[in-house]
Amino acid sequence: MTVDRNALGKREKTREFALALPGAAEEFPWGGSVAKVNGKVFVFLGVRDGGHPLGATGKLTDETAHAHAPALPGAEPAGYGLGRSGWVRVPPAQAGAPAAESLCDWVEESYRAIAPERLVAELDAGWTYTGF
């Protein structure tokens, strides 16, 4: 499987953003990358070697703001029952896929749903991402 360079770039920007959030750490369970906070996954980033289609999976809690997310090309509720709890997988390689900045907004929303209050407070107290 070949890897789409644009999609790979979106994945890397999303990964860098996720890991820059307060208290975030990367782990590789099941062979793919995940970003965790306080020991809990807030975004699944998958693998980058082309062995599986690229995708970012996060927990979207604001149904009003993200009702369109599952309607994006290739987007789907996350597997293993996570979709019932608001987890959505978005493949960055599909035509019409959101830009990296939108994916990062979704990663931040997922982080806020999972992170402890003290880290969300740190985020709200003036944390800024300088990577873009």
N, C-alpha and C. Protein backbone atom coordinates (compact mmCIF):
# COMPACT_ATOMS: atom_id res chain seq x y z
N MET A 1 0.85 -1.18 0.00
CA MET A 1 0.00 0.00 0.00
C MET A 1 0.89 1.23 0.00
N THR A 2 0.63 2.16 -0.91
CA THR A 2 1.41 3.39 -0.94
C THR A 2 0.79 4.41 0.01
N VAL A 3 1.63 5.29 0.50
CA VAL A 3 1.18 6.30 1.45
C VAL A 3 1.06 7.64 0.74
N ASP A 4 -0.09 8.26 0.84
CA ASP A 4 -0.36 9.58 0.27
C ASP A 4 0.43 10.61 1.08
N ARG A 5 1.32 11.36 0.42
CA ARG A 5 2.18 12.33 1.13
C ARG A 5 1.36 13.42 1.83
N ASN A 6 0.30 13.90 1.19
CA ASN A 6 -0.55 14.92 1.81
C ASN A 6 -1.20 14.36 3.07
N ALA A 7 -1.71 13.14 3.00
CA ALA A 7 -2.34 12.52 4.16
C ALA A 7 -1.32 12.28 5.25
N LEU A 8 -0.12 11.86 4.87
CA LEU A 8 0.94 11.62 5.85
C LEU A 8 1.32 12.93 6.53
N GLY A 9 1.36 14.02 5.76
CA GLY A 9 1.65 15.33 6.35
C GLY A 9 0.58 15.74 7.35
N LYS A 10 -0.69 15.50 7.01
CA LYS A 10 -1.79 15.81 7.94
C LYS A 10 -1.65 14.98 9.21
N ARG A 11 -1.31 13.68 9.04
CA ARG A 11 -1.16 12.81 10.19
C ARG A 11 -0.04 13.31 11.10
N GLU A 12 1.08 13.71 10.51
CA GLU A 12 2.21 14.18 11.31
C GLU A 12 1.88 15.48 12.04
N LYS A 13 1.20 16.41 11.37
CA LYS A 13 0.79 17.65 12.04
C LYS A 13 -0.16 17.34 13.19
N THR A 14 -1.08 16.44 12.95
CA THR A 14 -2.04 16.06 13.99
C THR A 14 -1.32 15.40 15.16
N ARG A 15 -0.39 14.52 14.86
CA ARG A 15 0.40 13.83 15.90
C ARG A 15 1.20 14.85 16.72
N GLU A 16 1.91 15.75 16.04
CA GLU A 16 2.71 16.76 16.74
C GLU A 16 1.83 17.62 17.65
N PHE A 17 0.68 18.02 17.15
CA PHE A 17 -0.23 18.82 17.95
C PHE A 17 -0.68 18.04 19.19
N ALA A 18 -1.10 16.80 18.97
CA ALA A 18 -1.59 15.97 20.09
C ALA A 18 -0.53 15.81 21.16
N LEU A 19 0.71 15.57 20.75
CA LEU A 19 1.78 15.34 21.72
C LEU A 19 2.25 16.62 22.41
N ALA A 20 1.89 17.77 21.85
CA ALA A 20 2.25 19.05 22.48
C ALA A 20 1.25 19.45 23.56
N LEU A 21 0.09 18.80 23.62
CA LEU A 21 -0.90 19.13 24.65
C LEU A 21 -0.37 18.78 26.04
N PRO A 22 -0.77 19.52 27.07
CA PRO A 22 -0.25 19.29 28.42
C PRO A 22 -0.44 17.84 28.88
N GLY A 23 0.67 17.23 29.29
CA GLY A 23 0.62 15.87 29.84
C GLY A 23 0.48 14.76 28.83
N ALA A 24 0.52 15.07 27.54
CA ALA A 24 0.32 14.05 26.50
C ALA A 24 1.58 13.21 26.31
N ALA A 25 1.36 11.95 25.98
CA ALA A 25 2.46 11.02 25.71
C ALA A 25 2.04 10.07 24.60
N GLU A 26 3.01 9.63 23.83
CA GLU A 26 2.74 8.69 22.75
C GLU A 26 3.08 7.27 23.20
N GLU A 27 2.22 6.34 22.84
CA GLU A 27 2.46 4.92 23.08
C GLU A 27 2.08 4.17 21.81
N PHE A 28 2.49 2.90 21.75
CA PHE A 28 2.28 2.10 20.55
C PHE A 28 1.62 0.76 20.85
N PRO A 29 0.45 0.78 21.46
CA PRO A 29 -0.24 -0.50 21.67
C PRO A 29 -0.76 -1.02 20.34
N TRP A 30 -0.86 -2.27 20.20
CA TRP A 30 -1.43 -2.89 18.99
C TRP A 30 -0.67 -2.51 17.72
N GLY A 31 0.55 -1.97 17.86
CA GLY A 31 1.37 -1.64 16.70
C GLY A 31 1.15 -0.26 16.11
N GLY A 32 0.14 0.46 16.56
CA GLY A 32 -0.14 1.80 16.05
C GLY A 32 0.10 2.85 17.11
N SER A 33 0.20 4.09 16.68
CA SER A 33 0.44 5.21 17.58
C SER A 33 -0.87 5.70 18.21
N VAL A 34 -0.81 5.97 19.50
CA VAL A 34 -1.91 6.62 20.20
C VAL A 34 -1.32 7.74 21.05
N ALA A 35 -2.11 8.77 21.28
CA ALA A 35 -1.73 9.82 22.21
C ALA A 35 -2.59 9.63 23.45
N LYS A 36 -1.92 9.64 24.60
CA LYS A 36 -2.61 9.44 25.87
C LYS A 36 -2.38 10.62 26.79
N VAL A 37 -3.33 10.80 27.68
CA VAL A 37 -3.18 11.76 28.77
C VAL A 37 -3.66 11.06 30.03
N ASN A 38 -2.86 11.14 31.06
CA ASN A 38 -3.20 10.49 32.34
C ASN A 38 -3.47 8.99 32.14
N GLY A 39 -2.74 8.37 31.20
CA GLY A 39 -2.88 6.94 30.94
C GLY A 39 -4.06 6.54 30.09
N LYS A 40 -4.82 7.51 29.57
CA LYS A 40 -6.01 7.22 28.76
C LYS A 40 -5.83 7.75 27.35
N VAL A 41 -6.23 6.96 26.36
CA VAL A 41 -6.12 7.36 24.96
C VAL A 41 -7.10 8.50 24.68
N PHE A 42 -6.59 9.55 24.01
CA PHE A 42 -7.51 10.59 23.53
C PHE A 42 -7.50 10.69 22.01
N VAL A 43 -6.53 10.07 21.35
CA VAL A 43 -6.57 9.98 19.89
C VAL A 43 -5.77 8.77 19.43
N PHE A 44 -6.37 8.03 18.50
CA PHE A 44 -5.70 6.92 17.83
C PHE A 44 -5.17 7.46 16.51
N LEU A 45 -3.88 7.29 16.25
CA LEU A 45 -3.27 7.82 15.03
C LEU A 45 -2.87 6.74 14.04
N GLY A 46 -2.96 5.50 14.43
CA GLY A 46 -2.66 4.40 13.52
C GLY A 46 -1.19 4.27 13.20
N VAL A 47 -0.91 3.64 12.08
CA VAL A 47 0.48 3.42 11.65
C VAL A 47 0.79 4.32 10.47
N ARG A 48 2.06 4.62 10.28
CA ARG A 48 2.45 5.51 9.19
C ARG A 48 3.18 4.78 8.08
N ASP A 49 3.32 3.47 8.18
CA ASP A 49 4.13 2.73 7.22
C ASP A 49 3.36 2.27 5.99
N GLY A 50 2.10 2.59 5.89
CA GLY A 50 1.31 2.18 4.74
C GLY A 50 0.69 0.81 4.89
N GLY A 51 0.91 0.14 6.05
CA GLY A 51 0.35 -1.17 6.27
C GLY A 51 -1.16 -1.15 6.45
N HIS A 52 -1.68 -0.02 6.84
CA HIS A 52 -3.13 0.18 7.01
C HIS A 52 -3.45 1.59 6.52
N PRO A 53 -4.68 1.84 6.11
CA PRO A 53 -5.04 3.20 5.70
C PRO A 53 -4.86 4.17 6.87
N LEU A 54 -4.35 5.36 6.57
CA LEU A 54 -4.17 6.38 7.60
C LEU A 54 -5.53 6.83 8.13
N GLY A 55 -5.55 7.21 9.39
CA GLY A 55 -6.77 7.73 9.98
C GLY A 55 -6.49 8.30 11.35
N ALA A 56 -7.30 9.24 11.76
CA ALA A 56 -7.25 9.80 13.11
C ALA A 56 -8.60 9.51 13.74
N THR A 57 -8.57 8.97 14.94
CA THR A 57 -9.81 8.63 15.64
C THR A 57 -9.82 9.35 16.97
N GLY A 58 -10.86 10.15 17.18
CA GLY A 58 -10.99 10.89 18.42
C GLY A 58 -12.43 10.90 18.91
N LYS A 59 -12.59 11.34 20.14
CA LYS A 59 -13.91 11.41 20.76
C LYS A 59 -14.47 12.81 20.54
N LEU A 60 -15.54 12.90 19.76
CA LEU A 60 -16.18 14.18 19.48
C LEU A 60 -17.44 14.27 20.32
N THR A 61 -17.42 15.16 21.29
CA THR A 61 -18.52 15.25 22.25
C THR A 61 -19.55 16.31 21.90
N ASP A 62 -19.19 17.29 21.09
CA ASP A 62 -20.11 18.37 20.74
C ASP A 62 -20.85 17.99 19.47
N GLU A 63 -22.02 17.38 19.62
CA GLU A 63 -22.78 16.89 18.47
C GLU A 63 -23.19 18.01 17.52
N THR A 64 -23.45 19.19 18.04
CA THR A 64 -23.85 20.31 17.20
C THR A 64 -22.70 20.73 16.29
N ALA A 65 -21.52 20.87 16.88
CA ALA A 65 -20.36 21.33 16.11
C ALA A 65 -19.84 20.27 15.15
N HIS A 66 -20.06 19.00 15.46
CA HIS A 66 -19.44 17.94 14.67
C HIS A 66 -20.43 16.94 14.08
N ALA A 67 -21.66 17.36 13.93
CA ALA A 67 -22.65 16.45 13.34
C ALA A 67 -22.24 16.05 11.93
N HIS A 68 -21.46 16.91 11.26
CA HIS A 68 -21.02 16.62 9.90
C HIS A 68 -19.86 15.63 9.84
N ALA A 69 -19.13 15.45 10.94
CA ALA A 69 -17.92 14.61 10.91
C ALA A 69 -18.18 13.21 10.37
N PRO A 70 -19.20 12.50 10.85
CA PRO A 70 -19.42 11.16 10.30
C PRO A 70 -19.84 11.16 8.83
N ALA A 71 -20.25 12.32 8.31
CA ALA A 71 -20.66 12.40 6.91
C ALA A 71 -19.50 12.71 5.97
N LEU A 72 -18.31 12.98 6.52
CA LEU A 72 -17.16 13.26 5.67
C LEU A 72 -16.78 12.02 4.88
N PRO A 73 -16.20 12.18 3.70
CA PRO A 73 -15.83 11.02 2.89
C PRO A 73 -14.92 10.06 3.67
N GLY A 74 -15.34 8.83 3.79
CA GLY A 74 -14.56 7.80 4.46
C GLY A 74 -14.67 7.79 5.97
N ALA A 75 -15.29 8.80 6.57
CA ALA A 75 -15.41 8.84 8.03
C ALA A 75 -16.40 7.78 8.49
N GLU A 76 -16.17 7.30 9.70
CA GLU A 76 -17.05 6.26 10.23
C GLU A 76 -16.94 6.23 11.75
N PRO A 77 -17.98 5.74 12.42
CA PRO A 77 -17.86 5.53 13.86
C PRO A 77 -16.72 4.55 14.12
N ALA A 78 -15.97 4.78 15.17
CA ALA A 78 -14.84 3.90 15.49
C ALA A 78 -15.33 2.50 15.81
N GLY A 79 -14.49 1.55 15.53
CA GLY A 79 -14.82 0.15 15.78
C GLY A 79 -14.77 -0.22 17.25
N TYR A 80 -14.99 -1.48 17.52
CA TYR A 80 -14.95 -2.05 18.87
C TYR A 80 -15.92 -1.37 19.82
N GLY A 81 -17.02 -0.86 19.29
CA GLY A 81 -18.05 -0.25 20.12
C GLY A 81 -17.77 1.18 20.53
N LEU A 82 -16.61 1.73 20.17
CA LEU A 82 -16.28 3.10 20.56
C LEU A 82 -17.16 4.13 19.87
N GLY A 83 -17.65 3.80 18.69
CA GLY A 83 -18.51 4.72 17.94
C GLY A 83 -19.76 5.10 18.71
N ARG A 84 -20.27 4.19 19.52
CA ARG A 84 -21.47 4.49 20.32
C ARG A 84 -21.21 5.56 21.37
N SER A 85 -19.93 5.77 21.70
CA SER A 85 -19.57 6.78 22.70
C SER A 85 -19.04 8.06 22.07
N GLY A 86 -19.22 8.22 20.77
CA GLY A 86 -18.82 9.46 20.11
C GLY A 86 -17.46 9.43 19.43
N TRP A 87 -16.80 8.28 19.41
CA TRP A 87 -15.50 8.18 18.74
C TRP A 87 -15.72 8.06 17.24
N VAL A 88 -15.01 8.90 16.47
CA VAL A 88 -15.14 8.93 15.01
C VAL A 88 -13.75 8.80 14.39
N ARG A 89 -13.67 7.96 13.35
CA ARG A 89 -12.43 7.80 12.60
C ARG A 89 -12.55 8.57 11.29
N VAL A 90 -11.55 9.42 11.03
CA VAL A 90 -11.53 10.22 9.81
C VAL A 90 -10.23 9.91 9.06
N PRO A 91 -10.34 9.41 7.83
CA PRO A 91 -9.14 9.16 7.04
C PRO A 91 -8.68 10.43 6.33
N PRO A 92 -7.46 10.89 6.55
CA PRO A 92 -7.00 12.14 5.95
C PRO A 92 -6.72 12.06 4.45
N ALA A 93 -6.70 10.87 3.88
CA ALA A 93 -6.36 10.73 2.47
C ALA A 93 -7.57 10.86 1.54
N GLN A 94 -8.77 10.79 2.08
CA GLN A 94 -9.97 10.85 1.23
C GLN A 94 -10.14 12.25 0.64
N ALA A 95 -10.62 12.32 -0.58
CA ALA A 95 -10.97 13.62 -1.16
C ALA A 95 -12.05 14.25 -0.29
N GLY A 96 -11.90 15.50 0.04
CA GLY A 96 -12.86 16.18 0.90
C GLY A 96 -12.57 16.03 2.38
N ALA A 97 -11.47 15.35 2.72
CA ALA A 97 -11.10 15.20 4.14
C ALA A 97 -10.73 16.56 4.71
N PRO A 98 -10.92 16.74 6.01
CA PRO A 98 -10.61 18.03 6.61
C PRO A 98 -9.11 18.32 6.60
N ALA A 99 -8.77 19.59 6.69
CA ALA A 99 -7.37 20.02 6.80
C ALA A 99 -6.82 19.62 8.15
N ALA A 100 -5.49 19.63 8.26
CA ALA A 100 -4.83 19.27 9.52
C ALA A 100 -5.32 20.13 10.68
N GLU A 101 -5.56 21.40 10.43
CA GLU A 101 -6.01 22.30 11.50
C GLU A 101 -7.36 21.85 12.05
N SER A 102 -8.26 21.40 11.19
CA SER A 102 -9.56 20.90 11.66
C SER A 102 -9.38 19.61 12.45
N LEU A 103 -8.51 18.73 11.96
CA LEU A 103 -8.23 17.50 12.71
C LEU A 103 -7.68 17.83 14.09
N CYS A 104 -6.82 18.85 14.16
CA CYS A 104 -6.26 19.25 15.45
C CYS A 104 -7.33 19.82 16.38
N ASP A 105 -8.29 20.53 15.83
CA ASP A 105 -9.41 21.01 16.65
C ASP A 105 -10.15 19.82 17.26
N TRP A 106 -10.34 18.77 16.46
CA TRP A 106 -11.03 17.58 16.95
C TRP A 106 -10.19 16.85 17.98
N VAL A 107 -8.87 16.83 17.78
CA VAL A 107 -7.98 16.22 18.76
C VAL A 107 -8.08 16.97 20.08
N GLU A 108 -8.12 18.30 20.01
CA GLU A 108 -8.25 19.08 21.24
C GLU A 108 -9.57 18.78 21.95
N GLU A 109 -10.64 18.65 21.18
CA GLU A 109 -11.93 18.32 21.80
C GLU A 109 -11.87 16.95 22.46
N SER A 110 -11.25 16.00 21.81
CA SER A 110 -11.12 14.66 22.38
C SER A 110 -10.26 14.71 23.65
N TYR A 111 -9.17 15.47 23.60
CA TYR A 111 -8.30 15.66 24.76
C TYR A 111 -9.11 16.22 25.93
N ARG A 112 -9.89 17.25 25.68
CA ARG A 112 -10.69 17.87 26.74
C ARG A 112 -11.69 16.89 27.35
N ALA A 113 -12.19 15.95 26.54
CA ALA A 113 -13.14 14.96 27.05
C ALA A 113 -12.47 13.91 27.92
N ILE A 114 -11.18 13.69 27.73
CA ILE A 114 -10.46 12.62 28.42
C ILE A 114 -9.55 13.13 29.53
N ALA A 115 -8.93 14.28 29.35
CA ALA A 115 -7.93 14.79 30.28
C ALA A 115 -8.54 15.16 31.64
N PRO A 116 -7.73 15.05 32.70
CA PRO A 116 -8.20 15.51 34.01
C PRO A 116 -8.38 17.03 34.02
N GLU A 117 -9.23 17.50 34.89
CA GLU A 117 -9.57 18.93 34.95
C GLU A 117 -8.35 19.81 35.11
N ARG A 118 -7.36 19.38 35.88
CA ARG A 118 -6.17 20.22 36.10
C ARG A 118 -5.41 20.47 34.80
N LEU A 119 -5.38 19.49 33.90
CA LEU A 119 -4.69 19.68 32.62
C LEU A 119 -5.54 20.49 31.65
N VAL A 120 -6.84 20.34 31.70
CA VAL A 120 -7.72 21.18 30.88
C VAL A 120 -7.59 22.63 31.35
N ALA A 121 -7.48 22.83 32.66
CA ALA A 121 -7.29 24.18 33.21
C ALA A 121 -5.97 24.78 32.73
N GLU A 122 -4.93 23.95 32.64
CA GLU A 122 -3.64 24.41 32.11
C GLU A 122 -3.78 24.83 30.65
N LEU A 123 -4.54 24.06 29.91
CA LEU A 123 -4.80 24.37 28.50
C LEU A 123 -5.53 25.71 28.38
N ASP A 124 -6.52 25.91 29.25
CA ASP A 124 -7.32 27.13 29.22
C ASP A 124 -6.58 28.35 29.77
N ALA A 125 -5.52 28.13 30.51
CA ALA A 125 -4.79 29.23 31.15
C ALA A 125 -3.78 29.90 30.22
N GLY A 126 -3.89 29.65 28.95
CA GLY A 126 -3.01 30.36 28.03
C GLY A 126 -2.09 29.47 27.22
N TRP A 127 -2.30 28.17 27.24
CA TRP A 127 -1.49 27.27 26.42
C TRP A 127 -1.73 27.60 24.95
N THR A 128 -0.68 27.66 24.19
CA THR A 128 -0.81 27.88 22.76
C THR A 128 0.10 26.91 22.02
N TYR A 129 -0.34 26.50 20.88
CA TYR A 129 0.46 25.63 20.02
C TYR A 129 1.14 26.49 18.99
N THR A 130 2.44 26.32 18.84
CA THR A 130 3.20 27.17 17.92
C THR A 130 3.72 26.39 16.71
N GLY A 131 3.19 25.20 16.49
CA GLY A 131 3.70 24.36 15.43
C GLY A 131 3.25 24.68 14.02
N PHE A 132 2.15 25.37 13.82
CA PHE A 132 1.68 25.63 12.45
C PHE A 132 2.31 26.88 11.91
